[in-house]
C-alpha atoms as a PDB file:
ATOM      1  CA  MET A   1       0.716  76.897 247.865  1.00  0.00           C
ATOM      2  CA  ASN A   2      -1.513  74.538 245.917  1.00  0.00           C
ATOM      3  CA  GLN A   3      -3.746  76.040 243.256  1.00  0.00           C
ATOM      4  CA  ALA A   4      -7.035  74.490 242.230  1.00  0.00           C
ATOM      5  CA  LEU A   5      -7.632  73.811 238.573  1.00  0.00           C
ATOM      6  CA  PRO A   6     -10.242  76.057 236.935  1.00  0.00           C
ATOM      7  CA  ILE A   7     -13.834  74.992 237.491  1.00  0.00           C
ATOM      8  CA  ARG A   8     -15.367  73.502 234.372  1.00  0.00           C
ATOM      9  CA  LYS A   9     -17.508  76.184 232.790  1.00  0.00           C
ATOM     10  CA  PRO A  10     -19.618  76.451 229.649  1.00  0.00           C
ATOM     11  CA  ARG A  11     -18.095  78.006 226.587  1.00  0.00           C
ATOM     12  CA  PRO A  12     -18.948  81.662 226.062  1.00  0.00           C
ATOM     13  CA  GLU A  13     -21.965  82.441 223.954  1.00  0.00           C
ATOM     14  CA  GLY A  14     -21.487  84.145 220.633  1.00  0.00           C
ATOM     15  CA  PRO A  15     -18.534  83.945 218.224  1.00  0.00           C
ATOM     16  CA  LEU A  16     -15.548  81.858 219.254  1.00  0.00           C
ATOM     17  CA  SER A  17     -11.962  82.840 218.568  1.00  0.00           C
ATOM     18  CA  LEU A  18      -9.068  80.587 217.624  1.00  0.00           C
ATOM     19  CA  SER A  19      -5.362  81.209 218.244  1.00  0.00           C
ATOM     20  CA  LEU A  20      -2.634  79.439 216.289  1.00  0.00           C
ATOM     21  CA  VAL A  21       0.607  79.395 218.296  1.00  0.00           C
ATOM     22  CA  VAL A  22       3.612  79.019 215.991  1.00  0.00           C
ATOM     23  CA  PRO A  23       7.170  78.893 217.430  1.00  0.00           C
ATOM     24  CA  VAL A  24       9.759  79.900 214.829  1.00  0.00           C
ATOM     25  CA  PHE A  25      13.545  79.688 214.798  1.00  0.00           C
ATOM     26  CA  ASN A  26      15.415  80.654 211.629  1.00  0.00           C
ATOM     27  CA  GLU A  27      12.332  80.059 209.464  1.00  0.00           C
ATOM     28  CA  GLU A  28      12.492  82.994 207.059  1.00  0.00           C
ATOM     29  CA  GLU A  29      11.662  80.711 204.111  1.00  0.00           C
ATOM     30  CA  THR A  30       8.451  79.304 205.572  1.00  0.00           C
ATOM     31  CA  VAL A  31       6.631  82.140 207.366  1.00  0.00           C
ATOM     32  CA  HIS A  32       4.816  83.572 204.344  1.00  0.00           C
ATOM     33  CA  LEU A  33       3.938  80.078 203.077  1.00  0.00           C
ATOM     34  CA  PHE A  34       2.357  79.288 206.436  1.00  0.00           C
ATOM     35  CA  VAL A  35       0.257  82.465 206.447  1.00  0.00           C
ATOM     36  CA  GLU A  36      -0.910  81.758 202.897  1.00  0.00           C
ATOM     37  CA  ALA A  37      -1.902  78.205 203.875  1.00  0.00           C
ATOM     38  CA  ILE A  38      -3.929  79.474 206.835  1.00  0.00           C
ATOM     39  CA  GLU A  39      -5.611  82.063 204.607  1.00  0.00           C
ATOM     40  CA  ALA A  40      -6.635  79.244 202.252  1.00  0.00           C
ATOM     41  CA  VAL A  41      -8.515  77.327 204.982  1.00  0.00           C
ATOM     42  CA  ARG A  42      -9.760  80.316 206.985  1.00  0.00           C
ATOM     43  CA  GLU A  43     -13.296  80.286 205.606  1.00  0.00           C
ATOM     44  CA  ASP A  44     -13.653  76.533 206.178  1.00  0.00           C
ATOM     45  CA  VAL A  45     -12.526  76.975 209.794  1.00  0.00           C
ATOM     46  CA  ILE A  46     -14.863  79.907 210.416  1.00  0.00           C
ATOM     47  CA  ALA A  47     -17.758  77.919 208.940  1.00  0.00           C
ATOM     48  CA  LYS A  48     -17.347  75.314 211.707  1.00  0.00           C
ATOM     49  CA  MET A  49     -17.566  77.935 214.468  1.00  0.00           C
ATOM     50  CA  PRO A  50     -20.968  79.115 215.726  1.00  0.00           C
ATOM     51  CA  GLU A  51     -21.774  82.641 214.611  1.00  0.00           C
ATOM     52  CA  GLY A  52     -18.447  82.749 212.799  1.00  0.00           C
ATOM     53  CA  GLY A  53     -15.420  83.856 214.762  1.00  0.00           C
ATOM     54  CA  GLY A  54     -11.900  85.136 214.399  1.00  0.00           C
ATOM     55  CA  ILE A  55      -8.464  83.593 213.922  1.00  0.00           C
ATOM     56  CA  GLU A  56      -5.178  84.968 215.166  1.00  0.00           C
ATOM     57  CA  ILE A  57      -1.663  83.706 214.498  1.00  0.00           C
ATOM     58  CA  VAL A  58       0.791  84.161 217.361  1.00  0.00           C
ATOM     59  CA  PHE A  59       4.332  83.735 216.052  1.00  0.00           C
ATOM     60  CA  VAL A  60       6.921  83.221 218.799  1.00  0.00           C
ATOM     61  CA  ASP A  61      10.418  84.029 217.580  1.00  0.00           C
ATOM     62  CA  ASP A  62      12.834  81.889 219.575  1.00  0.00           C
ATOM     63  CA  GLY A  63      15.984  83.958 219.024  1.00  0.00           C
ATOM     64  CA  SER A  64      16.203  83.658 215.234  1.00  0.00           C
ATOM     65  CA  ARG A  65      19.427  84.856 213.636  1.00  0.00           C
ATOM     66  CA  ASP A  66      18.090  85.207 210.103  1.00  0.00           C
ATOM     67  CA  ARG A  67      15.311  87.439 208.709  1.00  0.00           C
ATOM     68  CA  THR A  68      12.448  85.583 210.410  1.00  0.00           C
ATOM     69  CA  VAL A  69      11.360  88.628 212.437  1.00  0.00           C
ATOM     70  CA  GLU A  70      11.308  90.814 209.350  1.00  0.00           C
ATOM     71  CA  LYS A  71       9.309  88.203 207.454  1.00  0.00           C
ATOM     72  CA  VAL A  72       6.712  87.975 210.229  1.00  0.00           C
ATOM     73  CA  LEU A  73       6.358  91.744 210.475  1.00  0.00           C
ATOM     74  CA  ALA A  74       5.974  91.903 206.707  1.00  0.00           C
ATOM     75  CA  CYS A  75       2.947  89.586 206.801  1.00  0.00           C
ATOM     76  CA  ARG A  76      -0.350  91.397 206.371  1.00  0.00           C
ATOM     77  CA  SER A  77      -3.846  89.936 206.198  1.00  0.00           C
ATOM     78  CA  ASP A  78      -7.304  91.453 205.971  1.00  0.00           C
ATOM     79  CA  HIS A  79      -8.796  88.393 207.672  1.00  0.00           C
ATOM     80  CA  LEU A  80      -6.170  87.147 210.120  1.00  0.00           C
ATOM     81  CA  LYS A  81      -4.777  88.924 213.153  1.00  0.00           C
ATOM     82  CA  ILE A  82      -1.026  88.338 213.227  1.00  0.00           C
ATOM     83  CA  ARG A  83       1.028  88.945 216.349  1.00  0.00           C
ATOM     84  CA  LEU A  84       4.705  88.440 217.126  1.00  0.00           C
ATOM     85  CA  VAL A  85       6.201  87.546 220.494  1.00  0.00           C
ATOM     86  CA  ARG A  86       9.975  87.916 220.219  1.00  0.00           C
ATOM     87  CA  LEU A  87      12.097  86.216 222.881  1.00  0.00           C
ATOM     88  CA  SER A  88      15.411  87.739 223.929  1.00  0.00           C
ATOM     89  CA  ARG A  89      17.378  84.625 222.880  1.00  0.00           C
ATOM     90  CA  ASN A  90      16.882  80.987 221.983  1.00  0.00           C
ATOM     91  CA  PHE A  91      15.145  79.276 224.914  1.00  0.00           C
ATOM     92  CA  GLY A  92      14.077  76.081 223.105  1.00  0.00           C
ATOM     93  CA  LYS A  93      10.873  75.083 221.394  1.00  0.00           C
ATOM     94  CA  ASP A  94       8.920  74.058 224.498  1.00  0.00           C
ATOM     95  CA  SER A  95       9.720  77.351 226.237  1.00  0.00           C
ATOM     96  CA  ALA A  96       8.711  79.254 223.103  1.00  0.00           C
ATOM     97  CA  LEU A  97       5.503  77.247 222.958  1.00  0.00           C
ATOM     98  CA  THR A  98       4.824  78.096 226.610  1.00  0.00           C
ATOM     99  CA  ALA A  99       5.280  81.786 225.811  1.00  0.00           C
ATOM    100  CA  GLY A 100       2.832  81.452 222.940  1.00  0.00           C
ATOM    101  CA  LEU A 101       0.204  79.766 225.108  1.00  0.00           C
ATOM    102  CA  ALA A 102       0.558  82.574 227.668  1.00  0.00           C
ATOM    103  CA  HIS A 103       0.035  85.250 224.996  1.00  0.00           C
ATOM    104  CA  ALA A 104      -2.721  83.518 223.019  1.00  0.00           C
ATOM    105  CA  LYS A 105      -6.128  85.146 223.486  1.00  0.00           C
ATOM    106  CA  GLY A 106      -8.389  82.653 221.710  1.00  0.00           C
ATOM    107  CA  ASP A 107     -11.119  80.480 223.209  1.00  0.00           C
ATOM    108  CA  GLY A 108      -9.281  77.619 221.522  1.00  0.00           C
ATOM    109  CA  VAL A 109      -5.531  77.355 220.900  1.00  0.00           C
ATOM    110  CA  VAL A 110      -3.688  75.223 218.343  1.00  0.00           C
ATOM    111  CA  PRO A 111       0.117  74.851 218.588  1.00  0.00           C
ATOM    112  CA  MET A 112       1.487  74.315 215.066  1.00  0.00           C
ATOM    113  CA  ASP A 113       4.788  73.975 213.246  1.00  0.00           C
ATOM    114  CA  VAL A 114       5.493  76.641 210.662  1.00  0.00           C
ATOM    115  CA  ASP A 115       6.913  74.129 208.159  1.00  0.00           C
ATOM    116  CA  LEU A 116       3.378  72.904 207.287  1.00  0.00           C
ATOM    117  CA  GLN A 117       4.110  69.341 208.354  1.00  0.00           C
ATOM    118  CA  ASP A 118       1.103  70.046 210.578  1.00  0.00           C
ATOM    119  CA  PRO A 119      -1.446  70.437 207.751  1.00  0.00           C
ATOM    120  CA  PRO A 120      -3.868  73.373 208.090  1.00  0.00           C
ATOM    121  CA  GLU A 121      -6.370  71.375 206.020  1.00  0.00           C
ATOM    122  CA  ILE A 122      -7.484  69.390 209.090  1.00  0.00           C
ATOM    123  CA  LEU A 123      -8.137  72.490 211.212  1.00  0.00           C
ATOM    124  CA  PRO A 124     -11.861  72.538 210.229  1.00  0.00           C
ATOM    125  CA  GLU A 125     -12.257  68.946 211.448  1.00  0.00           C
ATOM    126  CA  MET A 126     -10.485  69.775 214.694  1.00  0.00           C
ATOM    127  CA  VAL A 127     -12.601  72.873 215.263  1.00  0.00           C
ATOM    128  CA  GLU A 128     -15.774  70.892 214.588  1.00  0.00           C
ATOM    129  CA  ALA A 129     -14.831  68.349 217.274  1.00  0.00           C
ATOM    130  CA  TRP A 130     -14.043  71.201 219.676  1.00  0.00           C
ATOM    131  CA  VAL A 131     -17.359  72.956 219.042  1.00  0.00           C
ATOM    132  CA  ASP A 132     -19.141  69.628 219.596  1.00  0.00           C
ATOM    133  CA  GLY A 133     -17.744  69.534 223.136  1.00  0.00           C
ATOM    134  CA  ALA A 134     -14.164  68.215 223.081  1.00  0.00           C
ATOM    135  CA  TYR A 135     -11.743  70.069 225.339  1.00  0.00           C
ATOM    136  CA  VAL A 136      -8.693  68.515 223.655  1.00  0.00           C
ATOM    137  CA  VAL A 137      -8.520  67.469 220.002  1.00  0.00           C
ATOM    138  CA  ASN A 138      -5.351  65.516 219.214  1.00  0.00           C
ATOM    139  CA  ALA A 139      -3.982  65.336 215.679  1.00  0.00           C
ATOM    140  CA  MET A 140      -2.452  61.886 215.187  1.00  0.00           C
ATOM    141  CA  ARG A 141       0.152  61.113 212.545  1.00  0.00           C
ATOM    142  CA  MET A 142      -1.335  58.105 210.761  1.00  0.00           C
ATOM    143  CA  ASP A 143       1.425  57.995 208.137  1.00  0.00           C
ATOM    144  CA  ARG A 144       5.011  59.053 208.922  1.00  0.00           C
ATOM    145  CA  SER A 145       6.617  57.858 205.707  1.00  0.00           C
ATOM    146  CA  SER A 146       7.916  61.387 205.130  1.00  0.00           C
ATOM    147  CA  ASP A 147      10.226  60.915 208.152  1.00  0.00           C
ATOM    148  CA  ASN A 148      13.420  58.928 207.695  1.00  0.00           C
ATOM    149  CA  TRP A 149      13.806  55.391 209.054  1.00  0.00           C
ATOM    150  CA  PHE A 150      15.890  56.456 212.048  1.00  0.00           C
ATOM    151  CA  LYS A 151      13.405  59.100 213.172  1.00  0.00           C
ATOM    152  CA  ARG A 152      10.438  56.730 212.894  1.00  0.00           C
ATOM    153  CA  LYS A 153      12.197  53.990 214.874  1.00  0.00           C
ATOM    154  CA  ALA A 154      13.477  56.431 217.498  1.00  0.00           C
ATOM    155  CA  ALA A 155       9.999  57.913 217.953  1.00  0.00           C
ATOM    156  CA  ASN A 156       8.335  54.501 218.301  1.00  0.00           C
ATOM    157  CA  THR A 157      10.973  53.360 220.793  1.00  0.00           C
ATOM    158  CA  PHE A 158      10.568  56.524 222.843  1.00  0.00           C
ATOM    159  CA  TYR A 159       6.786  56.207 223.008  1.00  0.00           C
ATOM    160  CA  ARG A 160       7.018  52.570 224.135  1.00  0.00           C
ATOM    161  CA  ILE A 161       9.570  53.281 226.865  1.00  0.00           C
ATOM    162  CA  TYR A 162       7.871  56.470 228.038  1.00  0.00           C
ATOM    163  CA  ASN A 163       4.405  54.928 228.291  1.00  0.00           C
ATOM    164  CA  LYS A 164       5.723  51.943 230.251  1.00  0.00           C
ATOM    165  CA  ILE A 165       7.240  54.080 232.998  1.00  0.00           C
ATOM    166  CA  ALA A 166       5.198  57.308 233.027  1.00  0.00           C
ATOM    167  CA  ALA A 167       2.304  57.757 235.427  1.00  0.00           C
ATOM    168  CA  TYR A 168       0.363  59.604 232.717  1.00  0.00           C
ATOM    169  CA  PRO A 169       1.010  58.033 229.294  1.00  0.00           C
ATOM    170  CA  ILE A 170       1.010  60.101 226.126  1.00  0.00           C
ATOM    171  CA  THR A 171      -0.724  59.147 222.899  1.00  0.00           C
ATOM    172  CA  PRO A 172       1.796  57.763 220.374  1.00  0.00           C
ATOM    173  CA  ASN A 173       2.363  59.755 217.194  1.00  0.00           C
ATOM    174  CA  VAL A 174       0.676  62.865 218.575  1.00  0.00           C
ATOM    175  CA  GLY A 175       2.998  65.855 218.729  1.00  0.00           C
ATOM    176  CA  ASP A 176       2.272  69.394 219.864  1.00  0.00           C
ATOM    177  CA  PHE A 177      -0.285  69.792 217.065  1.00  0.00           C
ATOM    178  CA  ARG A 178      -3.642  69.687 218.849  1.00  0.00           C
ATOM    179  CA  LEU A 179      -6.533  71.969 219.713  1.00  0.00           C
ATOM    180  CA  LEU A 180      -6.800  73.011 223.366  1.00  0.00           C
ATOM    181  CA  ASP A 181      -9.796  74.678 224.941  1.00  0.00           C
ATOM    182  CA  ARG A 182      -9.285  77.850 226.974  1.00  0.00           C
ATOM    183  CA  GLN A 183      -9.866  75.903 230.201  1.00  0.00           C
ATOM    184  CA  VAL A 184      -6.990  73.566 229.334  1.00  0.00           C
ATOM    185  CA  ILE A 185      -4.766  76.536 228.494  1.00  0.00           C
ATOM    186  CA  GLU A 186      -5.486  78.129 231.881  1.00  0.00           C
ATOM    187  CA  ALA A 187      -4.445  74.893 233.590  1.00  0.00           C
ATOM    188  CA  LEU A 188      -1.213  74.703 231.548  1.00  0.00           C
ATOM    189  CA  ASN A 189      -0.383  78.341 232.277  1.00  0.00           C
ATOM    190  CA  MET A 190      -0.394  77.568 236.014  1.00  0.00           C
ATOM    191  CA  MET A 191       2.445  75.054 235.670  1.00  0.00           C
ATOM    192  CA  PRO A 192       5.719  76.700 236.727  1.00  0.00           C
ATOM    193  CA  GLU A 193       8.349  74.047 235.949  1.00  0.00           C
ATOM    194  CA  ARG A 194      11.390  75.286 234.060  1.00  0.00           C
ATOM    195  CA  ILE A 195      12.208  72.092 232.168  1.00  0.00           C
ATOM    196  CA  ARG A 196       9.226  71.698 229.893  1.00  0.00           C
ATOM    197  CA  PHE A 197       8.069  68.523 228.186  1.00  0.00           C
ATOM    198  CA  MET A 198       4.839  69.791 226.707  1.00  0.00           C
ATOM    199  CA  LYS A 199       3.484  66.421 225.583  1.00  0.00           C
ATOM    200  CA  GLY A 200       3.737  65.215 229.177  1.00  0.00           C
ATOM    201  CA  LEU A 201       2.071  68.370 230.489  1.00  0.00           C
ATOM    202  CA  PHE A 202      -0.764  68.010 227.959  1.00  0.00           C
ATOM    203  CA  SER A 203      -1.312  64.492 229.302  1.00  0.00           C
ATOM    204  CA  TRP A 204      -1.051  65.493 232.964  1.00  0.00           C
ATOM    205  CA  VAL A 205      -3.833  68.095 232.868  1.00  0.00           C
ATOM    206  CA  GLY A 206      -6.289  65.408 231.816  1.00  0.00           C
ATOM    207  CA  PHE A 207      -9.443  66.156 229.807  1.00  0.00           C
ATOM    208  CA  SER A 208     -10.334  63.132 227.665  1.00  0.00           C
ATOM    209  CA  PRO A 209      -9.204  63.886 224.118  1.00  0.00           C
ATOM    210  CA  THR A 210     -10.808  63.409 220.741  1.00  0.00           C
ATOM    211  CA  THR A 211      -8.457  62.312 217.968  1.00  0.00           C
ATOM    212  CA  VAL A 212      -8.333  63.113 214.269  1.00  0.00           C
ATOM    213  CA  GLY A 213      -5.811  61.563 211.898  1.00  0.00           C
ATOM    214  CA  TYR A 214      -3.592  63.036 209.208  1.00  0.00           C
ATOM    215  CA  THR A 215      -0.686  62.161 206.944  1.00  0.00           C
ATOM    216  CA  ARG A 216       2.553  63.891 207.838  1.00  0.00           C
ATOM    217  CA  THR A 217       4.185  65.500 204.834  1.00  0.00           C
ATOM    218  CA  VAL A 218       7.681  66.835 204.185  1.00  0.00           C
ATOM    219  CA  ARG A 219       8.710  70.372 205.046  1.00  0.00           C
ATOM    220  CA  VAL A 220       7.670  72.965 202.482  1.00  0.00           C
ATOM    221  CA  ALA A 221      10.985  74.811 202.861  1.00  0.00           C
ATOM    222  CA  GLY A 222      13.983  75.184 205.138  1.00  0.00           C
ATOM    223  CA  THR A 223      15.616  72.468 207.225  1.00  0.00           C
ATOM    224  CA  THR A 224      14.717  70.823 210.505  1.00  0.00           C
ATOM    225  CA  LYS A 225      16.321  72.209 213.668  1.00  0.00           C
ATOM    226  CA  TRP A 226      16.057  68.851 215.449  1.00  0.00           C
ATOM    227  CA  LYS A 227      19.355  66.955 215.419  1.00  0.00           C
ATOM    228  CA  PRO A 228      19.902  63.456 216.920  1.00  0.00           C
ATOM    229  CA  TRP A 229      21.601  64.889 220.026  1.00  0.00           C
ATOM    230  CA  SER A 230      18.746  67.371 220.539  1.00  0.00           C
ATOM    231  CA  LEU A 231      16.207  64.550 220.233  1.00  0.00           C
ATOM    232  CA  TRP A 232      18.161  62.495 222.781  1.00  0.00           C
ATOM    233  CA  ASN A 233      18.171  65.352 225.308  1.00  0.00           C
ATOM    234  CA  PHE A 234      14.482  65.963 224.580  1.00  0.00           C
ATOM    235  CA  ALA A 235      13.732  62.306 225.390  1.00  0.00           C
ATOM    236  CA  LEU A 236      15.713  62.525 228.653  1.00  0.00           C
ATOM    237  CA  ASP A 237      13.797  65.631 229.697  1.00  0.00           C
ATOM    238  CA  GLY A 238      10.528  63.860 228.938  1.00  0.00           C
ATOM    239  CA  ILE A 239      11.350  60.738 230.943  1.00  0.00           C
ATOM    240  CA  THR A 240      12.933  62.456 233.957  1.00  0.00           C
ATOM    241  CA  GLY A 241      10.188  65.088 234.026  1.00  0.00           C
ATOM    242  CA  SER A 242       7.362  62.544 234.032  1.00  0.00           C
ATOM    243  CA  SER A 243       8.554  59.635 236.156  1.00  0.00           C
ATOM    244  CA  THR A 244      10.851  58.760 239.060  1.00  0.00           C
ATOM    245  CA  LEU A 245      11.027  55.118 237.983  1.00  0.00           C
ATOM    246  CA  PRO A 246      14.622  55.460 236.666  1.00  0.00           C
ATOM    247  CA  LEU A 247      15.654  56.307 240.241  1.00  0.00           C
ATOM    248  CA  ARG A 248      13.549  53.540 241.773  1.00  0.00           C
ATOM    249  CA  ILE A 249      15.004  50.955 239.405  1.00  0.00           C
ATOM    250  CA  TRP A 250      18.410  51.364 241.024  1.00  0.00           C
ATOM    251  CA  THR A 251      16.964  50.382 244.395  1.00  0.00           C
ATOM    252  CA  TYR A 252      16.023  47.048 242.859  1.00  0.00           C
ATOM    253  CA  VAL A 253      19.298  46.744 240.972  1.00  0.00           C
ATOM    254  CA  GLY A 254      21.206  47.407 244.194  1.00  0.00           C
ATOM    255  CA  GLY A 255      19.105  44.857 246.073  1.00  0.00           C
ATOM    256  CA  PHE A 256      19.671  42.240 243.378  1.00  0.00           C
ATOM    257  CA  ILE A 257      23.430  42.827 243.420  1.00  0.00           C
ATOM    258  CA  ALA A 258      23.409  42.584 247.242  1.00  0.00           C
ATOM    259  CA  VAL A 259      21.640  39.213 247.074  1.00  0.00           C
ATOM    260  CA  LEU A 260      24.190  37.973 244.543  1.00  0.00           C
ATOM    261  CA  ALA A 261      27.027  39.232 246.770  1.00  0.00           C
ATOM    262  CA  VAL A 262      25.661  37.396 249.821  1.00  0.00           C
ATOM    263  CA  ALA A 263      25.194  34.212 247.790  1.00  0.00           C
ATOM    264  CA  TRP A 264      28.725  34.469 246.392  1.00  0.00           C
ATOM    265  CA  ALA A 265      30.199  35.125 249.845  1.00  0.00           C
ATOM    266  CA  THR A 266      28.333  32.118 251.250  1.00  0.00           C
ATOM    267  CA  LEU A 267      29.604  29.930 248.432  1.00  0.00           C
ATOM    268  CA  ILE A 268      33.196  31.051 249.020  1.00  0.00           C
ATOM    269  CA  PHE A 269      32.850  30.477 252.799  1.00  0.00           C
ATOM    270  CA  PHE A 270      31.708  26.869 252.483  1.00  0.00           C
ATOM    271  CA  ARG A 271      34.108  26.166 249.647  1.00  0.00           C
ATOM    272  CA  THR A 272      36.973  27.363 251.869  1.00  0.00           C
ATOM    273  CA  LEU A 273      35.781  25.159 254.746  1.00  0.00           C
ATOM    274  CA  ILE A 274      35.607  22.101 252.524  1.00  0.00           C
ATOM    275  CA  TYR A 275      38.513  22.560 250.130  1.00  0.00           C
ATOM    276  CA  GLY A 276      40.695  25.055 251.951  1.00  0.00           C
ATOM    277  CA  ALA A 277      41.830  28.496 250.827  1.00  0.00           C
ATOM    278  CA  ASP A 278      42.865  29.033 247.242  1.00  0.00           C
ATOM    279  CA  VAL A 279      44.245  31.982 245.329  1.00  0.00           C
ATOM    280  CA  PRO A 280      41.393  34.096 243.860  1.00  0.00           C
ATOM    281  CA  GLY A 281      41.433  34.407 240.106  1.00  0.00           C
ATOM    282  CA  TYR A 282      42.416  37.711 238.571  1.00  0.00           C
ATOM    283  CA  ALA A 283      39.772  37.441 235.830  1.00  0.00           C
ATOM    284  CA  SER A 284      36.845  36.972 238.223  1.00  0.00           C
ATOM    285  CA  LEU A 285      37.977  39.893 240.381  1.00  0.00           C
ATOM    286  CA  MET A 286      38.244  42.155 237.346  1.00  0.00           C
ATOM    287  CA  VAL A 287      34.816  41.148 236.042  1.00  0.00           C
ATOM    288  CA  ILE A 288      33.142  41.724 239.407  1.00  0.00           C
ATOM    289  CA  GLY A 289      34.974  45.000 240.007  1.00  0.00           C
ATOM    290  CA  LEU A 290      34.225  46.426 236.574  1.00  0.00           C
ATOM    291  CA  THR A 291      30.574  45.306 236.736  1.00  0.00           C
ATOM    292  CA  LEU A 292      29.980  46.919 240.110  1.00  0.00           C
ATOM    293  CA  GLY A 293      31.901  50.052 239.081  1.00  0.00           C
ATOM    294  CA  ALA A 294      29.836  50.422 235.918  1.00  0.00           C
ATOM    295  CA  ALA A 295      26.589  49.925 237.848  1.00  0.00           C
ATOM    296  CA  ILE A 296      27.580  52.575 240.383  1.00  0.00           C
ATOM    297  CA  LEU A 297      28.552  55.093 237.698  1.00  0.00           C
ATOM    298  CA  ILE A 298      25.313  54.541 235.786  1.00  0.00           C
ATOM    299  CA  ALA A 299      23.320  54.979 239.003  1.00  0.00           C
ATOM    300  CA  LEU A 300      25.192  58.187 239.795  1.00  0.00           C
ATOM    301  CA  GLY A 301      24.496  59.419 236.272  1.00  0.00           C
ATOM    302  CA  VAL A 302      20.760  58.841 236.662  1.00  0.00           C
ATOM    303  CA  ILE A 303      20.771  60.552 240.055  1.00  0.00           C
ATOM    304  CA  GLY A 304      22.767  63.408 238.533  1.00  0.00           C
ATOM    305  CA  GLU A 305      20.117  63.939 235.858  1.00  0.00           C
ATOM    306  CA  TYR A 306      17.461  64.448 238.536  1.00  0.00           C
ATOM    307  CA  VAL A 307      19.707  66.545 240.804  1.00  0.00           C
ATOM    308  CA  GLY A 308      20.553  68.808 237.862  1.00  0.00           C
ATOM    309  CA  ARG A 309      16.881  69.357 237.167  1.00  0.00           C
ATOM    310  CA  ILE A 310      16.236  70.086 240.842  1.00  0.00           C
ATOM    311  CA  ALA A 311      18.989  72.738 240.738  1.00  0.00           C
ATOM    312  CA  ILE A 312      17.352  74.367 237.707  1.00  0.00           C
ATOM    313  CA  GLU A 313      13.939  74.400 239.383  1.00  0.00           C
ATOM    314  CA  VAL A 314      15.102  75.871 242.708  1.00  0.00           C
ATOM    315  CA  ARG A 315      16.785  78.824 240.978  1.00  0.00           C
ATOM    316  CA  GLN A 316      13.326  80.015 239.963  1.00  0.00           C
ATOM    317  CA  ARG A 317      14.591  81.784 236.859  1.00  0.00           C
ATOM    318  CA  PRO A 318      12.006  82.856 234.288  1.00  0.00           C
ATOM    319  CA  LEU A 319      11.167  80.220 231.716  1.00  0.00           C
ATOM    320  CA  TYR A 320      11.673  82.791 228.959  1.00  0.00           C
ATOM    321  CA  VAL A 321      12.267  86.524 228.511  1.00  0.00           C
ATOM    322  CA  VAL A 322      10.094  88.498 226.091  1.00  0.00           C
ATOM    323  CA  ALA A 323      11.866  91.243 224.172  1.00  0.00           C
ATOM    324  CA  ASP A 324       8.864  92.437 222.132  1.00  0.00           C
ATOM    325  CA  ALA A 325       5.166  91.634 221.776  1.00  0.00           C
ATOM    326  CA  ILE A 326       3.922  93.272 218.578  1.00  0.00           C
ATOM    327  CA  ASP A 327       0.636  93.399 216.684  1.00  0.00           C
ATOM    328  CA  CYS A 328       1.965  93.104 213.154  1.00  0.00           C
ATOM    329  CA  GLU A 329      -0.649  95.342 211.556  1.00  0.00           C
ATOM    330  CA  ASP A 330       0.413  98.098 213.947  1.00  0.00           C
ATOM    331  CA  ALA A 331       4.142  97.385 213.694  1.00  0.00           C
ATOM    332  CA  ALA A 332       6.705  99.421 211.845  1.00  0.00           C
ATOM    333  CA  ALA A 333       7.457  98.561 208.239  1.00  0.00           C
ATOM    334  CA  PRO A 334      10.009  95.765 207.754  1.00  0.00           C
ATOM    335  CA  VAL A 335      12.766  98.224 206.892  1.00  0.00           C
ATOM    336  CA  GLU A 336      12.313  99.776 210.340  1.00  0.00           C
ATOM    337  CA  VAL A 337      12.630  96.543 212.339  1.00  0.00           C
ATOM    338  CA  ALA A 338      16.072  97.508 213.634  1.00  0.00           C
ATOM    339  CA  ALA A 339      14.584 100.688 215.077  1.00  0.00           C
ATOM    340  CA  VAL A 340      11.776  98.703 216.710  1.00  0.00           C
ATOM    341  CA  LYS A 341      14.331  96.413 218.365  1.00  0.00           C
ATOM    342  CA  LYS A 342      16.442  99.345 219.528  1.00  0.00           C
ATOM    343  CA  ALA A 343      13.445 101.150 221.016  1.00  0.00           C
ATOM    344  CA  ALA A 344      12.316  98.008 222.836  1.00  0.00           C
ATOM    345  CA  ALA A 345      15.802  97.514 224.280  1.00  0.00           C
ATOM    346  CA  SER A 346      15.894 101.025 225.676  1.00  0.00           C
ATOM    347  CA  GLU A 347      12.572 100.704 227.551  1.00  0.00           C
END
């Protein structure tokens, strides 16, 4: 059954609230640094919000195997509300981000990386644009010199290919770091697909964005969890989830090969009539056979990518499973985290 998008409505009167959604996976070294950085800009952010307002941080633990959960529960702040959504295992960043958007309570929501490559210092500028009427405020990476050469080239290539074939292009050099109004969040929360490419979903919901720029810095601690193979699979999910052009291309490729085959057959027919039959060359047969075989296998591979995603969607499994949702100021002390996990498992 089709669902209508939420009707555009005015923002609520009075203080606004802001949620920072922060997926974490084995980030025990960075959690406290992130909270400290948000504390440092809190007053500047509040100053941009009418009648003040509140800020909450929603950490989403994506199946960490280190002390990330303990570090989050150990965080305390007199000015920030800190909550933890702990998933039952590692579901992937986009699924963790989806869980965070579903649990965020703010009038505005900002997905952020915990490694501080998304600088909290530009949050006041983003909030100001939001208060002035923007429903989406994109943070664009104006300088990516902190990334290595391979990552910069791979990202630029992906954006070019994606935007040429996608029905709803995405803004280059804009990651998940952006401010989304509550109306946008409600639209995103209605999307049920299991294979998530959040940048594509952000683009699909519409709402003309405002853009602010920033310089991307290096991680403050820890190591990236994105490996080349993970980035490749991420790119495939983005392309297959946003366009059917890779399937349509093979219709044209097949038609082109058919035209060549007819032309070649016609040439052979008249050549035989004029010069008589000759023995076909082994080399030409091998080239034609291998070319057609390769084309067929590539086409089957592309079809397989889409069929595999269809199989995942029709199973209708949950996108993620929440083990705990904890308000950190009400949570047990860090030394009692094991007991908290055990109690949650028995419920």
